[in-house]
Amino acid sequence: MGAGETWGGVMHNKGRLDLAYISEDLTLYVFGGGSYVQGTFTPDNVYGVGGIGALWSVAKWDGNQLITGLNASALTYKDNL
């Protein structure tokens, strides 16, 4: 690419699905999705993302609640540019 050339304008056409189980003291969730990435003078690419997680109550008092949790996620591209 030379000086003064335009590049970028990257667009993501994407979709994602989230599923969750929610109770008073526990939330479990999973998600996944993907995207088609394209731009001006940038290579087209595809990526996928997914993850799982959990949240749980560790303490309750006077109508308040302390919640903690864990999450794991991953992201991958078709072409690692």
N, C-alpha and C. Protein backbone atom coordinates (compact mmCIF):
# COMPACT_ATOMS: atom_id res chain seq x y z
N MET A 1 0.83 -1.18 0.00
CA MET A 1 0.00 0.00 0.00
C MET A 1 0.87 1.24 0.00
N GLY A 2 0.50 2.19 -0.80
CA GLY A 2 1.26 3.43 -0.88
C GLY A 2 0.63 4.53 -0.06
N ALA A 3 1.33 5.63 0.04
CA ALA A 3 0.84 6.79 0.78
C ALA A 3 -0.42 7.33 0.12
N GLY A 4 -1.37 7.76 0.93
CA GLY A 4 -2.59 8.36 0.44
C GLY A 4 -3.68 7.38 0.04
N GLU A 5 -3.41 6.07 0.12
CA GLU A 5 -4.44 5.08 -0.21
C GLU A 5 -5.37 4.89 0.98
N THR A 6 -6.63 4.65 0.67
CA THR A 6 -7.64 4.44 1.71
C THR A 6 -7.76 2.95 2.01
N TRP A 7 -7.84 2.63 3.28
CA TRP A 7 -8.07 1.26 3.70
C TRP A 7 -8.90 1.28 4.97
N GLY A 8 -9.45 0.15 5.34
CA GLY A 8 -10.23 0.05 6.57
C GLY A 8 -11.71 -0.06 6.28
N GLY A 9 -12.52 0.67 7.01
CA GLY A 9 -13.97 0.59 6.86
C GLY A 9 -14.46 -0.83 7.08
N VAL A 10 -13.90 -1.51 8.06
CA VAL A 10 -14.22 -2.92 8.27
C VAL A 10 -15.62 -3.08 8.84
N MET A 11 -16.37 -4.00 8.24
CA MET A 11 -17.74 -4.31 8.67
C MET A 11 -17.81 -5.75 9.15
N HIS A 12 -18.56 -5.97 10.22
CA HIS A 12 -18.83 -7.31 10.73
C HIS A 12 -20.30 -7.61 10.49
N ASN A 13 -20.60 -8.64 9.75
CA ASN A 13 -21.96 -9.16 9.63
C ASN A 13 -22.01 -10.38 10.52
N LYS A 14 -22.70 -10.26 11.64
CA LYS A 14 -22.57 -11.31 12.64
C LYS A 14 -23.89 -11.74 13.24
N GLY A 15 -23.81 -12.88 13.90
CA GLY A 15 -24.94 -13.43 14.64
C GLY A 15 -24.44 -14.10 15.90
N ARG A 16 -25.30 -14.16 16.90
CA ARG A 16 -24.91 -14.77 18.17
C ARG A 16 -26.16 -15.34 18.83
N LEU A 17 -26.00 -16.46 19.52
CA LEU A 17 -27.08 -17.10 20.26
C LEU A 17 -26.63 -17.28 21.70
N ASP A 18 -27.45 -16.84 22.64
CA ASP A 18 -27.19 -17.00 24.07
C ASP A 18 -28.30 -17.85 24.68
N LEU A 19 -27.94 -18.83 25.48
CA LEU A 19 -28.89 -19.65 26.22
C LEU A 19 -28.52 -19.61 27.68
N ALA A 20 -29.54 -19.54 28.56
CA ALA A 20 -29.25 -19.46 30.00
C ALA A 20 -30.30 -20.18 30.82
N TYR A 21 -29.85 -20.73 31.93
CA TYR A 21 -30.73 -21.24 32.98
C TYR A 21 -30.56 -20.28 34.15
N ILE A 22 -31.67 -19.73 34.64
CA ILE A 22 -31.61 -18.73 35.71
C ILE A 22 -32.51 -19.16 36.86
N SER A 23 -31.94 -19.26 38.05
CA SER A 23 -32.73 -19.51 39.27
C SER A 23 -32.40 -18.40 40.27
N GLU A 24 -32.95 -18.49 41.46
CA GLU A 24 -32.74 -17.45 42.46
C GLU A 24 -31.26 -17.34 42.88
N ASP A 25 -30.57 -18.48 42.96
CA ASP A 25 -29.20 -18.48 43.47
C ASP A 25 -28.14 -18.89 42.45
N LEU A 26 -28.56 -19.26 41.23
CA LEU A 26 -27.61 -19.80 40.26
C LEU A 26 -28.02 -19.41 38.83
N THR A 27 -27.05 -19.01 38.04
CA THR A 27 -27.26 -18.78 36.60
C THR A 27 -26.17 -19.53 35.85
N LEU A 28 -26.58 -20.33 34.87
CA LEU A 28 -25.66 -21.03 33.98
C LEU A 28 -25.93 -20.55 32.56
N TYR A 29 -24.89 -20.30 31.77
CA TYR A 29 -25.14 -19.82 30.42
C TYR A 29 -24.09 -20.33 29.44
N VAL A 30 -24.48 -20.35 28.18
CA VAL A 30 -23.62 -20.74 27.08
C VAL A 30 -23.93 -19.82 25.91
N PHE A 31 -22.92 -19.48 25.12
CA PHE A 31 -23.16 -18.63 23.96
C PHE A 31 -22.24 -19.02 22.82
N GLY A 32 -22.66 -18.69 21.61
CA GLY A 32 -21.85 -18.96 20.44
C GLY A 32 -22.28 -18.07 19.29
N GLY A 33 -21.37 -17.82 18.40
CA GLY A 33 -21.71 -16.99 17.26
C GLY A 33 -20.57 -16.94 16.26
N GLY A 34 -20.79 -16.14 15.24
CA GLY A 34 -19.78 -16.00 14.21
C GLY A 34 -19.98 -14.72 13.44
N SER A 35 -19.00 -14.40 12.62
CA SER A 35 -19.04 -13.14 11.87
C SER A 35 -18.27 -13.28 10.56
N TYR A 36 -18.77 -12.60 9.55
CA TYR A 36 -18.06 -12.44 8.28
C TYR A 36 -17.50 -11.03 8.29
N VAL A 37 -16.18 -10.90 8.15
CA VAL A 37 -15.50 -9.61 8.27
C VAL A 37 -14.99 -9.20 6.89
N GLN A 38 -15.31 -7.96 6.48
CA GLN A 38 -14.81 -7.47 5.21
C GLN A 38 -14.58 -5.96 5.27
N GLY A 39 -13.64 -5.47 4.46
CA GLY A 39 -13.34 -4.05 4.46
C GLY A 39 -12.62 -3.63 3.18
N THR A 40 -12.30 -2.36 3.11
CA THR A 40 -11.61 -1.80 1.95
C THR A 40 -10.11 -2.08 2.05
N PHE A 41 -9.56 -2.80 1.08
CA PHE A 41 -8.15 -3.18 1.06
C PHE A 41 -7.73 -3.95 2.30
N THR A 42 -8.67 -4.65 2.91
CA THR A 42 -8.37 -5.56 4.01
C THR A 42 -8.90 -6.93 3.61
N PRO A 43 -8.19 -8.01 3.92
CA PRO A 43 -8.65 -9.35 3.52
C PRO A 43 -9.96 -9.72 4.22
N ASP A 44 -10.86 -10.36 3.48
CA ASP A 44 -12.08 -10.90 4.09
C ASP A 44 -11.69 -12.02 5.05
N ASN A 45 -12.49 -12.20 6.08
CA ASN A 45 -12.20 -13.23 7.07
C ASN A 45 -13.49 -13.66 7.75
N VAL A 46 -13.42 -14.75 8.45
CA VAL A 46 -14.55 -15.29 9.20
C VAL A 46 -14.04 -15.61 10.60
N TYR A 47 -14.87 -15.34 11.61
CA TYR A 47 -14.46 -15.76 12.95
C TYR A 47 -15.63 -16.37 13.70
N GLY A 48 -15.30 -17.17 14.70
CA GLY A 48 -16.28 -17.79 15.57
C GLY A 48 -15.93 -17.49 17.01
N VAL A 49 -16.96 -17.42 17.84
CA VAL A 49 -16.77 -17.15 19.25
C VAL A 49 -17.73 -18.04 20.05
N GLY A 50 -17.31 -18.47 21.23
CA GLY A 50 -18.17 -19.28 22.07
C GLY A 50 -17.71 -19.20 23.51
N GLY A 51 -18.61 -19.55 24.40
CA GLY A 51 -18.23 -19.52 25.81
C GLY A 51 -19.29 -20.12 26.71
N ILE A 52 -18.88 -20.33 27.95
CA ILE A 52 -19.77 -20.83 29.00
C ILE A 52 -19.49 -20.05 30.28
N GLY A 53 -20.46 -20.06 31.18
CA GLY A 53 -20.24 -19.37 32.44
C GLY A 53 -21.25 -19.74 33.49
N ALA A 54 -20.96 -19.33 34.70
CA ALA A 54 -21.85 -19.57 35.84
C ALA A 54 -21.73 -18.40 36.81
N LEU A 55 -22.84 -18.05 37.39
CA LEU A 55 -22.91 -17.03 38.45
C LEU A 55 -23.67 -17.65 39.62
N TRP A 56 -23.23 -17.36 40.84
CA TRP A 56 -23.95 -17.87 41.99
C TRP A 56 -23.90 -16.88 43.14
N SER A 57 -24.90 -16.99 43.99
CA SER A 57 -25.03 -16.12 45.15
C SER A 57 -24.16 -16.65 46.28
N VAL A 58 -23.38 -15.74 46.89
CA VAL A 58 -22.53 -16.15 48.01
C VAL A 58 -23.01 -15.56 49.34
N ALA A 59 -23.83 -14.52 49.27
CA ALA A 59 -24.36 -13.92 50.51
C ALA A 59 -25.61 -13.10 50.18
N LYS A 60 -26.55 -13.10 51.14
CA LYS A 60 -27.76 -12.27 51.03
C LYS A 60 -27.98 -11.56 52.35
N TRP A 61 -28.38 -10.28 52.27
CA TRP A 61 -28.70 -9.51 53.46
C TRP A 61 -29.58 -8.33 53.10
N ASP A 62 -30.60 -8.07 53.89
CA ASP A 62 -31.49 -6.91 53.78
C ASP A 62 -31.90 -6.61 52.33
N GLY A 63 -32.28 -7.62 51.58
CA GLY A 63 -32.71 -7.41 50.21
C GLY A 63 -31.56 -7.25 49.21
N ASN A 64 -30.33 -7.36 49.69
CA ASN A 64 -29.15 -7.28 48.82
C ASN A 64 -28.58 -8.67 48.60
N GLN A 65 -27.74 -8.78 47.59
CA GLN A 65 -27.16 -10.08 47.26
C GLN A 65 -25.76 -9.88 46.70
N LEU A 66 -24.80 -10.69 47.15
CA LEU A 66 -23.45 -10.68 46.61
C LEU A 66 -23.31 -11.89 45.70
N ILE A 67 -22.94 -11.63 44.44
CA ILE A 67 -22.86 -12.67 43.42
C ILE A 67 -21.43 -12.73 42.88
N THR A 68 -20.94 -13.94 42.66
CA THR A 68 -19.65 -14.15 42.01
C THR A 68 -19.84 -15.12 40.86
N GLY A 69 -18.83 -15.28 40.03
CA GLY A 69 -18.98 -16.19 38.91
C GLY A 69 -17.69 -16.43 38.17
N LEU A 70 -17.79 -17.34 37.20
CA LEU A 70 -16.68 -17.70 36.33
C LEU A 70 -17.16 -17.70 34.89
N ASN A 71 -16.27 -17.36 33.97
CA ASN A 71 -16.60 -17.37 32.56
C ASN A 71 -15.39 -17.87 31.77
N ALA A 72 -15.64 -18.63 30.73
CA ALA A 72 -14.58 -19.05 29.81
C ALA A 72 -15.09 -18.80 28.40
N SER A 73 -14.24 -18.20 27.58
CA SER A 73 -14.64 -17.94 26.20
C SER A 73 -13.46 -18.15 25.27
N ALA A 74 -13.77 -18.34 24.00
CA ALA A 74 -12.74 -18.54 22.98
C ALA A 74 -13.15 -17.83 21.71
N LEU A 75 -12.15 -17.38 20.98
CA LEU A 75 -12.36 -16.67 19.71
C LEU A 75 -11.36 -17.22 18.71
N THR A 76 -11.82 -17.52 17.51
CA THR A 76 -10.93 -18.03 16.49
C THR A 76 -11.25 -17.40 15.14
N TYR A 77 -10.23 -17.14 14.37
CA TYR A 77 -10.38 -16.62 13.02
C TYR A 77 -10.02 -17.70 12.01
N LYS A 78 -10.69 -17.71 10.86
CA LYS A 78 -10.35 -18.66 9.80
C LYS A 78 -8.91 -18.43 9.35
N ASP A 79 -8.56 -17.17 9.09
CA ASP A 79 -7.21 -16.82 8.69
C ASP A 79 -6.62 -15.92 9.77
N ASN A 80 -5.56 -16.37 10.43
CA ASN A 80 -4.93 -15.60 11.48
C ASN A 80 -4.00 -14.57 10.83
N LEU A 81 -4.57 -13.40 10.51
CA LEU A 81 -3.82 -12.38 9.76
C LEU A 81 -3.07 -11.44 10.66
